[in-house]
């Protein structure tokens, strides 16, 4: 893991850097808020530890600027400011965690691991399989860069098939994914949506990308 420490106090920066390095991670120190504000290298880090009271530009401005530029790197604010309104402003600006100085190094390292783990466990916002592309953020689908007009139900079905690419997805799994865990209606409605989905993604193909596994369900067959 690559960690950036944006902190003007060299004693604190050295102590945190040593703990991070001892834990087996790479570390970079940025002592000035103005430098951090314009430092594109922030994008290349896995986690940022950010003080709020910095020379050049305050940490809140650094955080807001990074988020506005699309930087989604997890940020732990480490500051002497402990007021509730300060914490709220930091979280509203995009902070992932907040610690007040003085602090216990063991707790900071535990928070670093927890924040990094949460960020790593987030599901991907796009799916790509054999020319099929799904953007989960804006609910758009393309096949070989050609837009596909899918209904919400068709989109959800294709999403599950792509997540389990090459594996059997049962009708029960599809029903639960599309309509919820309390679904108790007929499963043949799935076949109707599958056929419509095939009509949209199988144009020009000799065989369907969605294979029926008799008595079990469906599988995305892209080979």
Protein backbone atom coordinates (compact mmCIF):
# COMPACT_ATOMS: atom_id res chain seq x y z
CA UNK A 1 0.00 0.00 0.00
CA UNK A 2 1.22 3.51 -0.87
CA UNK A 3 0.39 6.11 1.80
CA UNK A 4 0.68 9.90 1.45
CA UNK A 5 1.08 11.94 4.65
CA UNK A 6 0.05 15.58 4.25
CA UNK A 7 1.31 17.06 7.51
CA UNK A 8 3.39 20.17 8.30
CA UNK A 9 4.69 18.98 11.69
CA UNK A 10 7.91 17.05 10.92
CA UNK A 11 7.86 15.19 14.25
CA UNK A 12 4.35 13.83 13.70
CA UNK A 13 5.08 13.15 10.03
CA UNK A 14 8.24 11.21 10.89
CA UNK A 15 6.50 9.17 13.59
CA UNK A 16 3.57 8.25 11.32
CA UNK A 17 5.90 7.55 8.41
CA UNK A 18 7.99 5.20 10.54
CA UNK A 19 4.92 3.30 11.76
CA UNK A 20 3.54 3.00 8.23
CA UNK A 21 6.92 1.85 6.88
CA UNK A 22 7.37 -0.64 9.71
CA UNK A 23 3.99 -2.10 8.77
CA UNK A 24 5.38 -2.85 5.32
CA UNK A 25 3.87 0.03 3.36
CA UNK A 26 5.46 2.70 1.18
CA UNK A 27 5.16 6.27 2.41
CA UNK A 28 5.48 9.81 1.04
CA UNK A 29 5.50 13.04 3.07
CA UNK A 30 3.98 16.27 1.72
CA UNK A 31 4.58 19.07 4.27
CA UNK A 32 2.66 21.87 2.57
CA UNK A 33 -1.04 22.24 1.77
CA UNK A 34 -0.35 24.37 -1.28
CA UNK A 35 1.91 21.67 -2.71
CA UNK A 36 -0.67 19.00 -1.97
CA UNK A 37 -3.36 21.10 -3.62
CA UNK A 38 -1.55 20.93 -6.95
CA UNK A 39 0.26 17.60 -6.50
CA UNK A 40 -1.03 15.09 -9.04
CA UNK A 41 0.89 12.36 -7.21
CA UNK A 42 -1.95 12.22 -4.66
CA UNK A 43 -3.86 10.26 -7.29
CA UNK A 44 -1.29 7.47 -7.22
CA UNK A 45 -1.71 6.65 -3.53
CA UNK A 46 -3.83 4.01 -1.85
CA UNK A 47 -4.54 6.13 1.23
CA UNK A 48 -4.01 9.74 2.35
CA UNK A 49 -3.48 10.96 5.92
CA UNK A 50 -4.40 14.64 5.95
CA UNK A 51 -3.92 17.39 8.52
CA UNK A 52 -6.36 20.32 8.40
CA UNK A 53 -4.10 23.14 9.60
CA UNK A 54 -1.50 23.38 6.85
CA UNK A 55 0.62 26.18 5.34
CA UNK A 56 -0.18 27.20 1.79
CA UNK A 57 -3.72 25.80 1.82
CA UNK A 58 -5.79 24.26 4.58
CA UNK A 59 -6.53 20.55 4.54
CA UNK A 60 -10.22 21.05 3.84
CA UNK A 61 -9.36 22.89 0.61
CA UNK A 62 -6.97 20.10 -0.35
CA UNK A 63 -9.68 17.51 0.29
CA UNK A 64 -12.37 19.39 -1.64
CA UNK A 65 -10.03 19.96 -4.58
CA UNK A 66 -9.00 16.31 -4.70
CA UNK A 67 -12.60 15.11 -4.69
CA UNK A 68 -13.57 17.67 -7.33
CA UNK A 69 -10.80 16.32 -9.57
CA UNK A 70 -12.16 12.80 -9.20
CA UNK A 71 -9.62 11.52 -6.68
CA UNK A 72 -11.40 8.73 -4.79
CA UNK A 73 -8.44 7.70 -2.63
CA UNK A 74 -9.52 7.07 1.00
CA UNK A 75 -8.64 10.00 3.29
CA UNK A 76 -8.09 9.89 7.05
CA UNK A 77 -8.13 13.37 8.58
CA UNK A 78 -5.59 13.66 11.43
CA UNK A 79 -5.91 17.02 13.18
CA UNK A 80 -5.96 18.90 16.47
CA UNK A 81 -9.43 20.20 15.63
CA UNK A 82 -11.91 18.07 17.53
CA UNK A 83 -15.12 20.10 17.34
CA UNK A 84 -18.17 18.34 15.96
CA UNK A 85 -18.74 20.99 13.28
CA UNK A 86 -15.15 20.51 12.06
CA UNK A 87 -15.72 16.78 11.77
CA UNK A 88 -18.97 17.31 9.90
CA UNK A 89 -17.31 19.65 7.40
CA UNK A 90 -14.55 17.13 6.80
CA UNK A 91 -16.96 14.26 6.21
CA UNK A 92 -19.11 16.42 3.96
CA UNK A 93 -15.99 17.29 1.94
CA UNK A 94 -15.23 13.61 1.41
CA UNK A 95 -13.20 12.35 4.38
CA UNK A 96 -13.45 8.63 5.14
CA UNK A 97 -12.31 8.82 8.77
CA UNK A 98 -11.35 11.44 11.35
CA UNK A 99 -8.85 11.29 14.24
CA UNK A 100 -8.04 14.01 16.76
CA UNK A 101 -4.52 14.76 18.03
CA UNK A 102 -3.03 13.65 20.35
CA UNK A 103 -3.62 10.11 19.15
CA UNK A 104 -2.47 6.56 19.77
CA UNK A 105 -0.32 5.22 16.94
CA UNK A 106 -1.81 1.75 17.30
CA UNK A 107 -5.30 3.17 16.76
CA UNK A 108 -4.18 5.12 13.69
CA UNK A 109 -2.64 1.97 12.17
CA UNK A 110 -5.83 0.03 12.89
CA UNK A 111 -7.89 2.76 11.21
CA UNK A 112 -5.55 2.76 8.20
CA UNK A 113 -6.08 -0.98 7.78
CA UNK A 114 -9.86 -0.68 8.25
CA UNK A 115 -10.31 2.22 5.81
CA UNK A 116 -8.10 0.57 3.20
CA UNK A 117 -9.97 -2.73 3.60
CA UNK A 118 -13.35 -1.04 3.17
CA UNK A 119 -12.14 0.74 0.04
CA UNK A 120 -10.71 -2.48 -1.40
CA UNK A 121 -13.91 -4.41 -0.70
CA UNK A 122 -16.13 -2.01 -2.65
CA UNK A 123 -17.67 -3.70 -5.69
CA UNK A 124 -16.56 -2.47 -9.09
CA UNK A 125 -18.81 0.15 -10.65
CA UNK A 126 -18.27 -1.27 -14.13
CA UNK A 127 -18.43 -4.78 -15.56
CA UNK A 128 -16.69 -5.85 -18.77
CA UNK A 129 -17.09 -9.26 -20.40
CA UNK A 130 -16.27 -10.05 -24.05
CA UNK A 131 -17.28 -6.67 -25.44
CA UNK A 132 -20.19 -6.22 -23.05
CA UNK A 133 -19.81 -3.19 -20.79
CA UNK A 134 -22.11 -2.23 -17.93
CA UNK A 135 -21.79 1.03 -16.04
CA UNK A 136 -23.49 0.46 -12.70
CA UNK A 137 -23.22 4.14 -11.81
CA UNK A 138 -25.36 5.44 -14.67
CA UNK A 139 -27.11 2.17 -15.60
CA UNK A 140 -25.85 2.16 -19.18
CA UNK A 141 -24.90 -0.82 -21.32
CA UNK A 142 -22.84 -1.16 -24.48
CA UNK A 143 -21.78 -4.06 -26.70
CA UNK A 144 -18.59 -3.44 -28.70
CA UNK A 145 -19.11 0.28 -27.94
CA UNK A 146 -22.65 0.15 -29.35
CA UNK A 147 -25.29 1.39 -26.87
CA UNK A 148 -27.88 -1.20 -25.85
CA UNK A 149 -31.27 0.02 -24.69
CA UNK A 150 -32.12 -2.21 -21.72
CA UNK A 151 -35.09 -2.09 -19.40
CA UNK A 152 -34.23 -1.99 -15.66
CA UNK A 153 -35.13 -5.69 -15.38
CA UNK A 154 -32.97 -6.65 -18.36
CA UNK A 155 -30.09 -4.60 -16.96
CA UNK A 156 -30.32 -6.37 -13.59
CA UNK A 157 -30.42 -9.79 -15.23
CA UNK A 158 -27.39 -9.03 -17.40
CA UNK A 159 -25.52 -7.63 -14.39
CA UNK A 160 -25.92 -10.88 -12.46
CA UNK A 161 -24.95 -13.02 -15.45
CA UNK A 162 -21.82 -10.91 -15.96
CA UNK A 163 -20.87 -11.07 -12.29
CA UNK A 164 -21.04 -14.87 -12.51
CA UNK A 165 -19.49 -15.03 -15.98
CA UNK A 166 -19.24 -18.66 -17.13
CA UNK A 167 -21.06 -19.95 -14.03
CA UNK A 168 -24.64 -21.14 -13.74
CA UNK A 169 -27.08 -18.55 -12.42
CA UNK A 170 -30.26 -20.23 -11.23
CA UNK A 171 -33.74 -18.86 -11.81
CA UNK A 172 -34.08 -18.44 -8.06
CA UNK A 173 -30.92 -16.31 -7.97
CA UNK A 174 -32.26 -14.17 -10.80
CA UNK A 175 -35.67 -13.73 -9.16
CA UNK A 176 -34.10 -12.73 -5.86
CA UNK A 177 -31.68 -10.31 -7.54
CA UNK A 178 -34.36 -8.65 -9.67
CA UNK A 179 -37.41 -8.67 -7.39
CA UNK A 180 -36.07 -9.21 -3.91
CA UNK A 181 -35.70 -12.06 -1.47
CA UNK A 182 -39.42 -12.28 -0.80
CA UNK A 183 -40.22 -13.15 -4.45
CA UNK A 184 -42.66 -16.07 -4.65
CA UNK A 185 -44.11 -15.57 -8.13
CA UNK A 186 -43.70 -17.84 -11.19
CA UNK A 187 -40.15 -18.20 -12.50
CA UNK A 188 -41.22 -18.48 -16.17
CA UNK A 189 -41.35 -14.68 -16.25
CA UNK A 190 -37.55 -14.85 -16.26
CA UNK A 191 -37.63 -16.70 -19.59
CA UNK A 192 -39.55 -13.83 -21.17
CA UNK A 193 -36.95 -11.29 -20.07
CA UNK A 194 -34.06 -13.59 -21.04
CA UNK A 195 -35.47 -13.93 -24.58
CA UNK A 196 -35.84 -10.16 -24.89
CA UNK A 197 -32.30 -9.69 -23.61
CA UNK A 198 -31.00 -12.20 -26.14
CA UNK A 199 -32.70 -10.29 -28.93
CA UNK A 200 -30.71 -7.19 -27.98
CA UNK A 201 -27.24 -8.67 -27.46
CA UNK A 202 -27.18 -11.55 -29.95
CA UNK A 203 -27.57 -9.59 -33.18
CA UNK A 204 -25.18 -10.96 -35.81
CA UNK A 205 -24.17 -13.96 -33.69
CA UNK A 206 -24.70 -17.59 -34.66
CA UNK A 207 -25.06 -18.69 -31.04
CA UNK A 208 -26.50 -16.83 -28.07
CA UNK A 209 -24.26 -15.27 -25.42
CA UNK A 210 -26.75 -16.54 -22.85
CA UNK A 211 -26.81 -20.31 -22.58
CA UNK A 212 -29.77 -22.17 -21.07
CA UNK A 213 -28.71 -24.90 -18.67
CA UNK A 214 -31.73 -27.18 -18.65
CA UNK A 215 -33.29 -27.62 -15.24
CA UNK A 216 -30.75 -25.34 -13.57
CA UNK A 217 -30.73 -21.82 -15.03
CA UNK A 218 -28.56 -19.72 -17.33
CA UNK A 219 -24.94 -18.90 -17.92
CA UNK A 220 -23.13 -16.23 -19.88
CA UNK A 221 -21.24 -18.10 -22.62
CA UNK A 222 -18.72 -15.74 -24.18
CA UNK A 223 -16.15 -18.23 -25.49
